[in-house]
Amino acid sequence: MSATRISATLVVNDDRAIACMACGYALGPAGEPWKAAARLDEQPMQGAGGAPYSNAERVLLRRFFCPGCGALLDTESALAGDPFLTDIVRV
C-alpha cells in the first residue's frame, strides 16, 4: 500500500481517501472536507495559553482526533458556532 503524506498526521491512501497516518482510518475522499468525520473536542482557550488568553472566554480550542485510534490529527481556534476551517486536499 502506498500513500501520499499530506501532513504530519494524514495521508491520501490508494483508495484516494484522506486517512490517519497512524492507523489508516479513512476520514473521507480526497478533495472533500474531512474534519466532520473526526472526533471533536472543544475547550475554552481562556487561560490555556497563559496571560495572552486570559480575556479569551469566547475562543475555543478545537482538537480533531482519529475515530480509529485516537491520534490527534489537527487543531484550530475558533469562536463558538464558527464552522470548521475547511481543509480540502488535492493531490
PDB file of N, CA and C in Angstrom:
ATOM      1  N   MET A   1       0.840  -1.190   0.000  1.00  0.00           N
ATOM      2  CA  MET A   1       0.000   0.000   0.000  1.00  0.00           C
ATOM      3  C   MET A   1       0.879   1.245   0.000  1.00  0.00           C
ATOM      4  N   SER A   2       0.701   2.099  -0.951  1.00  0.00           N
ATOM      5  CA  SER A   2       1.429   3.363  -0.970  1.00  0.00           C
ATOM      6  C   SER A   2       0.465   4.468  -0.570  1.00  0.00           C
ATOM      7  N   ALA A   3       0.995   5.482   0.041  1.00  0.00           N
ATOM      8  CA  ALA A   3       0.166   6.606   0.472  1.00  0.00           C
ATOM      9  C   ALA A   3       0.956   7.881   0.260  1.00  0.00           C
ATOM     10  N   THR A   4       0.249   8.960   0.012  1.00  0.00           N
ATOM     11  CA  THR A   4       0.862  10.273  -0.141  1.00  0.00           C
ATOM     12  C   THR A   4       0.648  11.045   1.147  1.00  0.00           C
ATOM     13  N   ARG A   5       1.729  11.383   1.793  1.00  0.00           N
ATOM     14  CA  ARG A   5       1.640  12.125   3.048  1.00  0.00           C
ATOM     15  C   ARG A   5       1.229  13.560   2.751  1.00  0.00           C
ATOM     16  N   ILE A   6       0.199  14.048   3.467  1.00  0.00           N
ATOM     17  CA  ILE A   6      -0.280  15.409   3.241  1.00  0.00           C
ATOM     18  C   ILE A   6      -0.114  16.305   4.470  1.00  0.00           C
ATOM     19  N   SER A   7       0.212  15.707   5.603  1.00  0.00           N
ATOM     20  CA  SER A   7       0.510  16.479   6.819  1.00  0.00           C
ATOM     21  C   SER A   7       1.283  15.551   7.754  1.00  0.00           C
ATOM     22  N   ALA A   8       1.554  16.022   8.945  1.00  0.00           N
ATOM     23  CA  ALA A   8       2.256  15.193   9.921  1.00  0.00           C
ATOM     24  C   ALA A   8       1.408  14.019  10.389  1.00  0.00           C
ATOM     25  N   THR A   9       0.092  14.076  10.147  1.00  0.00           N
ATOM     26  CA  THR A   9      -0.810  13.045  10.682  1.00  0.00           C
ATOM     27  C   THR A   9      -1.726  12.403   9.651  1.00  0.00           C
ATOM     28  N   LEU A  10      -1.770  12.952   8.437  1.00  0.00           N
ATOM     29  CA  LEU A  10      -2.733  12.481   7.433  1.00  0.00           C
ATOM     30  C   LEU A  10      -2.045  12.062   6.138  1.00  0.00           C
ATOM     31  N   VAL A  11      -2.660  11.078   5.463  1.00  0.00           N
ATOM     32  CA  VAL A  11      -2.206  10.620   4.159  1.00  0.00           C
ATOM     33  C   VAL A  11      -3.407  10.513   3.225  1.00  0.00           C
ATOM     34  N   VAL A  12      -3.139  10.474   1.931  1.00  0.00           N
ATOM     35  CA  VAL A  12      -4.142  10.069   0.952  1.00  0.00           C
ATOM     36  C   VAL A  12      -3.755   8.652   0.558  1.00  0.00           C
ATOM     37  N   ASN A  13      -4.656   7.702   0.785  1.00  0.00           N
ATOM     38  CA  ASN A  13      -4.347   6.290   0.563  1.00  0.00           C
ATOM     39  C   ASN A  13      -4.630   5.865  -0.879  1.00  0.00           C
ATOM     40  N   ASP A  14      -4.425   4.587  -1.159  1.00  0.00           N
ATOM     41  CA  ASP A  14      -4.635   4.050  -2.505  1.00  0.00           C
ATOM     42  C   ASP A  14      -6.071   4.192  -2.988  1.00  0.00           C
ATOM     43  N   ASP A  15      -7.029   4.264  -2.072  1.00  0.00           N
ATOM     44  CA  ASP A  15      -8.442   4.429  -2.433  1.00  0.00           C
ATOM     45  C   ASP A  15      -8.807   5.897  -2.631  1.00  0.00           C
ATOM     46  N   ARG A  16      -7.787   6.793  -2.610  1.00  0.00           N
ATOM     47  CA  ARG A  16      -7.978   8.236  -2.764  1.00  0.00           C
ATOM     48  C   ARG A  16      -8.799   8.824  -1.611  1.00  0.00           C
ATOM     49  N   ALA A  17      -8.615   8.256  -0.437  1.00  0.00           N
ATOM     50  CA  ALA A  17      -9.277   8.752   0.771  1.00  0.00           C
ATOM     51  C   ALA A  17      -8.249   9.405   1.678  1.00  0.00           C
ATOM     52  N   ILE A  18      -8.668  10.430   2.402  1.00  0.00           N
ATOM     53  CA  ILE A  18      -7.833  11.017   3.448  1.00  0.00           C
ATOM     54  C   ILE A  18      -7.906  10.078   4.641  1.00  0.00           C
ATOM     55  N   ALA A  19      -6.745   9.697   5.152  1.00  0.00           N
ATOM     56  CA  ALA A  19      -6.701   8.692   6.212  1.00  0.00           C
ATOM     57  C   ALA A  19      -5.692   9.074   7.282  1.00  0.00           C
ATOM     58  N   CYS A  20      -5.918   8.553   8.479  1.00  0.00           N
ATOM     59  CA  CYS A  20      -4.993   8.723   9.594  1.00  0.00           C
ATOM     60  C   CYS A  20      -3.695   7.986   9.265  1.00  0.00           C
ATOM     61  N   MET A  21      -2.583   8.662   9.425  1.00  0.00           N
ATOM     62  CA  MET A  21      -1.301   8.035   9.139  1.00  0.00           C
ATOM     63  C   MET A  21      -0.975   6.948  10.162  1.00  0.00           C
ATOM     64  N   ALA A  22      -1.467   7.086  11.389  1.00  0.00           N
ATOM     65  CA  ALA A  22      -1.140   6.128  12.436  1.00  0.00           C
ATOM     66  C   ALA A  22      -1.839   4.784  12.252  1.00  0.00           C
ATOM     67  N   CYS A  23      -3.125   4.804  11.858  1.00  0.00           N
ATOM     68  CA  CYS A  23      -3.873   3.543  11.806  1.00  0.00           C
ATOM     69  C   CYS A  23      -4.541   3.258  10.468  1.00  0.00           C
ATOM     70  N   GLY A  24      -4.583   4.257   9.575  1.00  0.00           N
ATOM     71  CA  GLY A  24      -5.200   4.059   8.271  1.00  0.00           C
ATOM     72  C   GLY A  24      -6.692   4.314   8.211  1.00  0.00           C
ATOM     73  N   TYR A  25      -7.297   4.746   9.306  1.00  0.00           N
ATOM     74  CA  TYR A  25      -8.737   5.025   9.318  1.00  0.00           C
ATOM     75  C   TYR A  25      -9.067   6.080   8.268  1.00  0.00           C
ATOM     76  N   ALA A  26     -10.011   5.791   7.372  1.00  0.00           N
ATOM     77  CA  ALA A  26     -10.397   6.714   6.302  1.00  0.00           C
ATOM     78  C   ALA A  26     -11.396   7.739   6.814  1.00  0.00           C
ATOM     79  N   LEU A  27     -11.101   9.007   6.571  1.00  0.00           N
ATOM     80  CA  LEU A  27     -11.941  10.114   7.029  1.00  0.00           C
ATOM     81  C   LEU A  27     -12.807  10.695   5.918  1.00  0.00           C
ATOM     82  N   GLY A  28     -12.584  10.284   4.697  1.00  0.00           N
ATOM     83  CA  GLY A  28     -13.388  10.778   3.587  1.00  0.00           C
ATOM     84  C   GLY A  28     -12.551  10.908   2.342  1.00  0.00           C
ATOM     85  N   PRO A  29     -13.201  11.168   1.223  1.00  0.00           N
ATOM     86  CA  PRO A  29     -12.484  11.253  -0.051  1.00  0.00           C
ATOM     87  C   PRO A  29     -11.593  12.490  -0.141  1.00  0.00           C
ATOM     88  N   ALA A  30     -10.450  12.330  -0.803  1.00  0.00           N
ATOM     89  CA  ALA A  30      -9.596  13.482  -1.088  1.00  0.00           C
ATOM     90  C   ALA A  30     -10.411  14.468  -1.914  1.00  0.00           C
ATOM     91  N   GLY A  31     -10.199  15.742  -1.672  1.00  0.00           N
ATOM     92  CA  GLY A  31     -10.955  16.775  -2.378  1.00  0.00           C
ATOM     93  C   GLY A  31     -12.203  17.211  -1.644  1.00  0.00           C
ATOM     94  N   GLU A  32     -12.491  16.579  -0.511  1.00  0.00           N
ATOM     95  CA  GLU A  32     -13.651  16.932   0.307  1.00  0.00           C
ATOM     96  C   GLU A  32     -13.172  17.258   1.727  1.00  0.00           C
ATOM     97  N   PRO A  33     -13.899  18.104   2.473  1.00  0.00           N
ATOM     98  CA  PRO A  33     -13.525  18.363   3.870  1.00  0.00           C
ATOM     99  C   PRO A  33     -13.581  17.072   4.693  1.00  0.00           C
ATOM    100  N   TRP A  34     -12.643  16.897   5.598  1.00  0.00           N
ATOM    101  CA  TRP A  34     -12.548  15.655   6.370  1.00  0.00           C
ATOM    102  C   TRP A  34     -12.843  15.837   7.860  1.00  0.00           C
ATOM    103  N   LYS A  35     -12.821  17.037   8.380  1.00  0.00           N
ATOM    104  CA  LYS A  35     -12.907  17.250   9.834  1.00  0.00           C
ATOM    105  C   LYS A  35     -14.216  16.768  10.447  1.00  0.00           C
ATOM    106  N   ALA A  36     -15.312  16.793   9.718  1.00  0.00           N
ATOM    107  CA  ALA A  36     -16.598  16.336  10.264  1.00  0.00           C
ATOM    108  C   ALA A  36     -16.568  14.840  10.584  1.00  0.00           C
ATOM    109  N   ALA A  37     -15.673  14.088   9.967  1.00  0.00           N
ATOM    110  CA  ALA A  37     -15.574  12.651  10.224  1.00  0.00           C
ATOM    111  C   ALA A  37     -14.682  12.337  11.427  1.00  0.00           C
ATOM    112  N   ALA A  38     -13.973  13.329  11.922  1.00  0.00           N
ATOM    113  CA  ALA A  38     -13.082  13.129  13.072  1.00  0.00           C
ATOM    114  C   ALA A  38     -13.857  13.301  14.375  1.00  0.00           C
ATOM    115  N   ARG A  39     -13.294  12.815  15.457  1.00  0.00           N
ATOM    116  CA  ARG A  39     -13.852  13.071  16.789  1.00  0.00           C
ATOM    117  C   ARG A  39     -13.403  14.468  17.215  1.00  0.00           C
ATOM    118  N   LEU A  40     -14.335  15.247  17.719  1.00  0.00           N
ATOM    119  CA  LEU A  40     -14.072  16.640  18.058  1.00  0.00           C
ATOM    120  C   LEU A  40     -14.093  16.842  19.564  1.00  0.00           C
ATOM    121  N   ASP A  41     -13.102  17.599  20.045  1.00  0.00           N
ATOM    122  CA  ASP A  41     -13.080  18.058  21.430  1.00  0.00           C
ATOM    123  C   ASP A  41     -12.915  19.569  21.383  1.00  0.00           C
ATOM    124  N   GLU A  42     -13.801  20.302  22.038  1.00  0.00           N
ATOM    125  CA  GLU A  42     -13.713  21.759  22.109  1.00  0.00           C
ATOM    126  C   GLU A  42     -13.574  22.172  23.570  1.00  0.00           C
ATOM    127  N   GLN A  43     -12.588  23.019  23.828  1.00  0.00           N
ATOM    128  CA  GLN A  43     -12.352  23.521  25.174  1.00  0.00           C
ATOM    129  C   GLN A  43     -12.116  25.019  25.096  1.00  0.00           C
ATOM    130  N   PRO A  44     -12.590  25.789  26.084  1.00  0.00           N
ATOM    131  CA  PRO A  44     -12.310  27.225  26.102  1.00  0.00           C
ATOM    132  C   PRO A  44     -10.807  27.477  26.176  1.00  0.00           C
ATOM    133  N   MET A  45     -10.343  28.468  25.436  1.00  0.00           N
ATOM    134  CA  MET A  45      -8.925  28.824  25.452  1.00  0.00           C
ATOM    135  C   MET A  45      -8.563  29.659  26.675  1.00  0.00           C
ATOM    136  N   GLN A  46      -9.558  30.213  27.359  1.00  0.00           N
ATOM    137  CA  GLN A  46      -9.286  31.131  28.458  1.00  0.00           C
ATOM    138  C   GLN A  46      -8.299  30.518  29.439  1.00  0.00           C
ATOM    139  N   GLY A  47      -7.145  31.141  29.565  1.00  0.00           N
ATOM    140  CA  GLY A  47      -6.119  30.690  30.490  1.00  0.00           C
ATOM    141  C   GLY A  47      -5.278  29.533  29.993  1.00  0.00           C
ATOM    142  N   ALA A  48      -5.672  28.887  28.902  1.00  0.00           N
ATOM    143  CA  ALA A  48      -4.956  27.697  28.428  1.00  0.00           C
ATOM    144  C   ALA A  48      -3.536  28.017  27.987  1.00  0.00           C
ATOM    145  N   GLY A  49      -3.330  29.190  27.426  1.00  0.00           N
ATOM    146  CA  GLY A  49      -2.007  29.568  26.939  1.00  0.00           C
ATOM    147  C   GLY A  49      -1.360  30.644  27.777  1.00  0.00           C
ATOM    148  N   GLY A  50      -1.789  30.780  29.020  1.00  0.00           N
ATOM    149  CA  GLY A  50      -1.222  31.794  29.895  1.00  0.00           C
ATOM    150  C   GLY A  50      -1.905  33.139  29.725  1.00  0.00           C
ATOM    151  N   ALA A  51      -1.211  34.176  30.105  1.00  0.00           N
ATOM    152  CA  ALA A  51      -1.763  35.535  30.130  1.00  0.00           C
ATOM    153  C   ALA A  51      -2.354  35.998  28.799  1.00  0.00           C
ATOM    154  N   PRO A  52      -1.765  35.679  27.645  1.00  0.00           N
ATOM    155  CA  PRO A  52      -2.366  36.173  26.393  1.00  0.00           C
ATOM    156  C   PRO A  52      -3.806  35.710  26.178  1.00  0.00           C
ATOM    157  N   TYR A  53      -4.203  34.621  26.801  1.00  0.00           N
ATOM    158  CA  TYR A  53      -5.553  34.097  26.610  1.00  0.00           C
ATOM    159  C   TYR A  53      -6.470  34.365  27.795  1.00  0.00           C
ATOM    160  N   SER A  54      -6.073  35.220  28.711  1.00  0.00           N
ATOM    161  CA  SER A  54      -6.880  35.460  29.908  1.00  0.00           C
ATOM    162  C   SER A  54      -8.204  36.147  29.591  1.00  0.00           C
ATOM    163  N   ASN A  55      -8.304  36.842  28.474  1.00  0.00           N
ATOM    164  CA  ASN A  55      -9.549  37.510  28.093  1.00  0.00           C
ATOM    165  C   ASN A  55     -10.274  36.786  26.971  1.00  0.00           C
ATOM    166  N   ALA A  56      -9.949  35.550  26.746  1.00  0.00           N
ATOM    167  CA  ALA A  56     -10.475  34.821  25.585  1.00  0.00           C
ATOM    168  C   ALA A  56     -11.589  33.856  25.982  1.00  0.00           C
ATOM    169  N   GLU A  57     -12.563  34.340  26.732  1.00  0.00           N
ATOM    170  CA  GLU A  57     -13.624  33.445  27.207  1.00  0.00           C
ATOM    171  C   GLU A  57     -14.488  32.886  26.074  1.00  0.00           C
ATOM    172  N   ARG A  58     -14.516  33.561  24.937  1.00  0.00           N
ATOM    173  CA  ARG A  58     -15.339  33.079  23.811  1.00  0.00           C
ATOM    174  C   ARG A  58     -14.553  32.249  22.800  1.00  0.00           C
ATOM    175  N   VAL A  59     -13.231  32.211  22.932  1.00  0.00           N
ATOM    176  CA  VAL A  59     -12.404  31.495  21.964  1.00  0.00           C
ATOM    177  C   VAL A  59     -12.231  30.045  22.407  1.00  0.00           C
ATOM    178  N   LEU A  60     -12.440  29.134  21.457  1.00  0.00           N
ATOM    179  CA  LEU A  60     -12.322  27.700  21.730  1.00  0.00           C
ATOM    180  C   LEU A  60     -11.089  27.115  21.056  1.00  0.00           C
ATOM    181  N   LEU A  61     -10.507  26.122  21.693  1.00  0.00           N
ATOM    182  CA  LEU A  61      -9.503  25.286  21.062  1.00  0.00           C
ATOM    183  C   LEU A  61     -10.224  24.031  20.591  1.00  0.00           C
ATOM    184  N   ARG A  62     -10.194  23.790  19.297  1.00  0.00           N
ATOM    185  CA  ARG A  62     -10.795  22.583  18.734  1.00  0.00           C
ATOM    186  C   ARG A  62      -9.681  21.591  18.445  1.00  0.00           C
ATOM    187  N   ARG A  63      -9.892  20.367  18.899  1.00  0.00           N
ATOM    188  CA  ARG A  63      -8.938  19.295  18.620  1.00  0.00           C
ATOM    189  C   ARG A  63      -9.669  18.195  17.878  1.00  0.00           C
ATOM    190  N   PHE A  64      -9.094  17.751  16.782  1.00  0.00           N
ATOM    191  CA  PHE A  64      -9.682  16.726  15.935  1.00  0.00           C
ATOM    192  C   PHE A  64      -8.881  15.439  16.099  1.00  0.00           C
ATOM    193  N   PHE A  65      -9.565  14.365  16.508  1.00  0.00           N
ATOM    194  CA  PHE A  65      -8.920  13.084  16.777  1.00  0.00           C
ATOM    195  C   PHE A  65      -9.406  12.020  15.798  1.00  0.00           C
ATOM    196  N   CYS A  66      -8.549  11.042  15.537  1.00  0.00           N
ATOM    197  CA  CYS A  66      -8.916   9.902  14.700  1.00  0.00           C
ATOM    198  C   CYS A  66      -9.929   9.037  15.441  1.00  0.00           C
ATOM    199  N   PRO A  67     -11.073   8.702  14.823  1.00  0.00           N
ATOM    200  CA  PRO A  67     -12.036   7.809  15.462  1.00  0.00           C
ATOM    201  C   PRO A  67     -11.523   6.377  15.596  1.00  0.00           C
ATOM    202  N   GLY A  68     -10.522   6.024  14.797  1.00  0.00           N
ATOM    203  CA  GLY A  68     -10.000   4.666  14.829  1.00  0.00           C
ATOM    204  C   GLY A  68      -9.011   4.407  15.949  1.00  0.00           C
ATOM    205  N   CYS A  69      -8.075   5.349  16.159  1.00  0.00           N
ATOM    206  CA  CYS A  69      -7.010   5.097  17.141  1.00  0.00           C
ATOM    207  C   CYS A  69      -6.848   6.203  18.178  1.00  0.00           C
ATOM    208  N   GLY A  70      -7.538   7.319  18.004  1.00  0.00           N
ATOM    209  CA  GLY A  70      -7.456   8.409  18.969  1.00  0.00           C
ATOM    210  C   GLY A  70      -6.296   9.370  18.748  1.00  0.00           C
ATOM    211  N   ALA A  71      -5.535   9.204  17.661  1.00  0.00           N
ATOM    212  CA  ALA A  71      -4.417  10.108  17.394  1.00  0.00           C
ATOM    213  C   ALA A  71      -4.933  11.522  17.140  1.00  0.00           C
ATOM    214  N   LEU A  72      -4.208  12.513  17.630  1.00  0.00           N
ATOM    215  CA  LEU A  72      -4.535  13.905  17.362  1.00  0.00           C
ATOM    216  C   LEU A  72      -4.183  14.211  15.913  1.00  0.00           C
ATOM    217  N   LEU A  73      -5.174  14.665  15.134  1.00  0.00           N
ATOM    218  CA  LEU A  73      -4.974  14.917  13.711  1.00  0.00           C
ATOM    219  C   LEU A  73      -4.742  16.385  13.391  1.00  0.00           C
ATOM    220  N   ASP A  74      -5.404  17.285  14.115  1.00  0.00           N
ATOM    221  CA  ASP A  74      -5.295  18.706  13.814  1.00  0.00           C
ATOM    222  C   ASP A  74      -5.903  19.501  14.963  1.00  0.00           C
ATOM    223  N   THR A  75      -5.569  20.775  15.007  1.00  0.00           N
ATOM    224  CA  THR A  75      -6.174  21.703  15.965  1.00  0.00           C
ATOM    225  C   THR A  75      -6.489  23.008  15.252  1.00  0.00           C
ATOM    226  N   GLU A  76      -7.415  23.753  15.831  1.00  0.00           N
ATOM    227  CA  GLU A  76      -7.717  25.101  15.348  1.00  0.00           C
ATOM    228  C   GLU A  76      -8.355  25.877  16.488  1.00  0.00           C
ATOM    229  N   SER A  77      -8.290  27.178  16.409  1.00  0.00           N
ATOM    230  CA  SER A  77      -9.014  28.016  17.365  1.00  0.00           C
ATOM    231  C   SER A  77     -10.172  28.673  16.627  1.00  0.00           C
ATOM    232  N   ALA A  78     -11.272  28.879  17.346  1.00  0.00           N
ATOM    233  CA  ALA A  78     -12.483  29.412  16.717  1.00  0.00           C
ATOM    234  C   ALA A  78     -13.394  29.988  17.786  1.00  0.00           C
ATOM    235  N   LEU A  79     -14.342  30.774  17.345  1.00  0.00           N
ATOM    236  CA  LEU A  79     -15.409  31.214  18.229  1.00  0.00           C
ATOM    237  C   LEU A  79     -16.497  30.150  18.220  1.00  0.00           C
ATOM    238  N   ALA A  80     -17.212  30.021  19.318  1.00  0.00           N
ATOM    239  CA  ALA A  80     -18.295  29.041  19.398  1.00  0.00           C
ATOM    240  C   ALA A  80     -19.269  29.261  18.248  1.00  0.00           C
ATOM    241  N   GLY A  81     -19.639  28.193  17.586  1.00  0.00           N
ATOM    242  CA  GLY A  81     -20.581  28.268  16.476  1.00  0.00           C
ATOM    243  C   GLY A  81     -19.945  28.499  15.119  1.00  0.00           C
ATOM    244  N   ASP A  82     -18.661  28.859  15.090  1.00  0.00           N
ATOM    245  CA  ASP A  82     -17.983  29.031  13.803  1.00  0.00           C
ATOM    246  C   ASP A  82     -17.872  27.688  13.093  1.00  0.00           C
ATOM    247  N   PRO A  83     -17.948  27.687  11.757  1.00  0.00           N
ATOM    248  CA  PRO A  83     -17.732  26.432  11.032  1.00  0.00           C
ATOM    249  C   PRO A  83     -16.260  26.022  11.140  1.00  0.00           C
ATOM    250  N   PHE A  84     -16.006  24.754  10.867  1.00  0.00           N
ATOM    251  CA  PHE A  84     -14.625  24.265  10.863  1.00  0.00           C
ATOM    252  C   PHE A  84     -13.849  24.981   9.762  1.00  0.00           C
ATOM    253  N   LEU A  85     -12.558  25.194   9.989  1.00  0.00           N
ATOM    254  CA  LEU A  85     -11.698  25.646   8.908  1.00  0.00           C
ATOM    255  C   LEU A  85     -11.683  24.538   7.871  1.00  0.00           C
ATOM    256  N   THR A  86     -11.904  24.880   6.634  1.00  0.00           N
ATOM    257  CA  THR A  86     -12.021  23.871   5.588  1.00  0.00           C
ATOM    258  C   THR A  86     -10.644  23.519   5.045  1.00  0.00           C
ATOM    259  N   ASP A  87     -10.269  22.267   5.252  1.00  0.00           N
ATOM    260  CA  ASP A  87      -9.031  21.729   4.695  1.00  0.00           C
ATOM    261  C   ASP A  87      -9.409  20.800   3.565  1.00  0.00           C
ATOM    262  N   ILE A  88      -9.208  21.239   2.335  1.00  0.00           N
ATOM    263  CA  ILE A  88      -9.500  20.389   1.196  1.00  0.00           C
ATOM    264  C   ILE A  88      -8.174  19.995   0.566  1.00  0.00           C
ATOM    265  N   VAL A  89      -7.982  18.691   0.418  1.00  0.00           N
ATOM    266  CA  VAL A  89      -6.724  18.158  -0.076  1.00  0.00           C
ATOM    267  C   VAL A  89      -6.882  17.705  -1.513  1.00  0.00           C
ATOM    268  N   ARG A  90      -6.032  18.233  -2.362  1.00  0.00           N
ATOM    269  CA  ARG A  90      -5.997  17.793  -3.759  1.00  0.00           C
ATOM    270  C   ARG A  90      -4.578  17.349  -4.055  1.00  0.00           C
ATOM    271  N   VAL A  91      -4.430  16.099  -4.444  1.00  0.00           N
ATOM    272  CA  VAL A  91      -3.098  15.585  -4.796  1.00  0.00           C
ATOM    273  C   VAL A  91      -3.115  15.010  -6.183  1.00  0.00           C
TER     274      VAL A  91
END
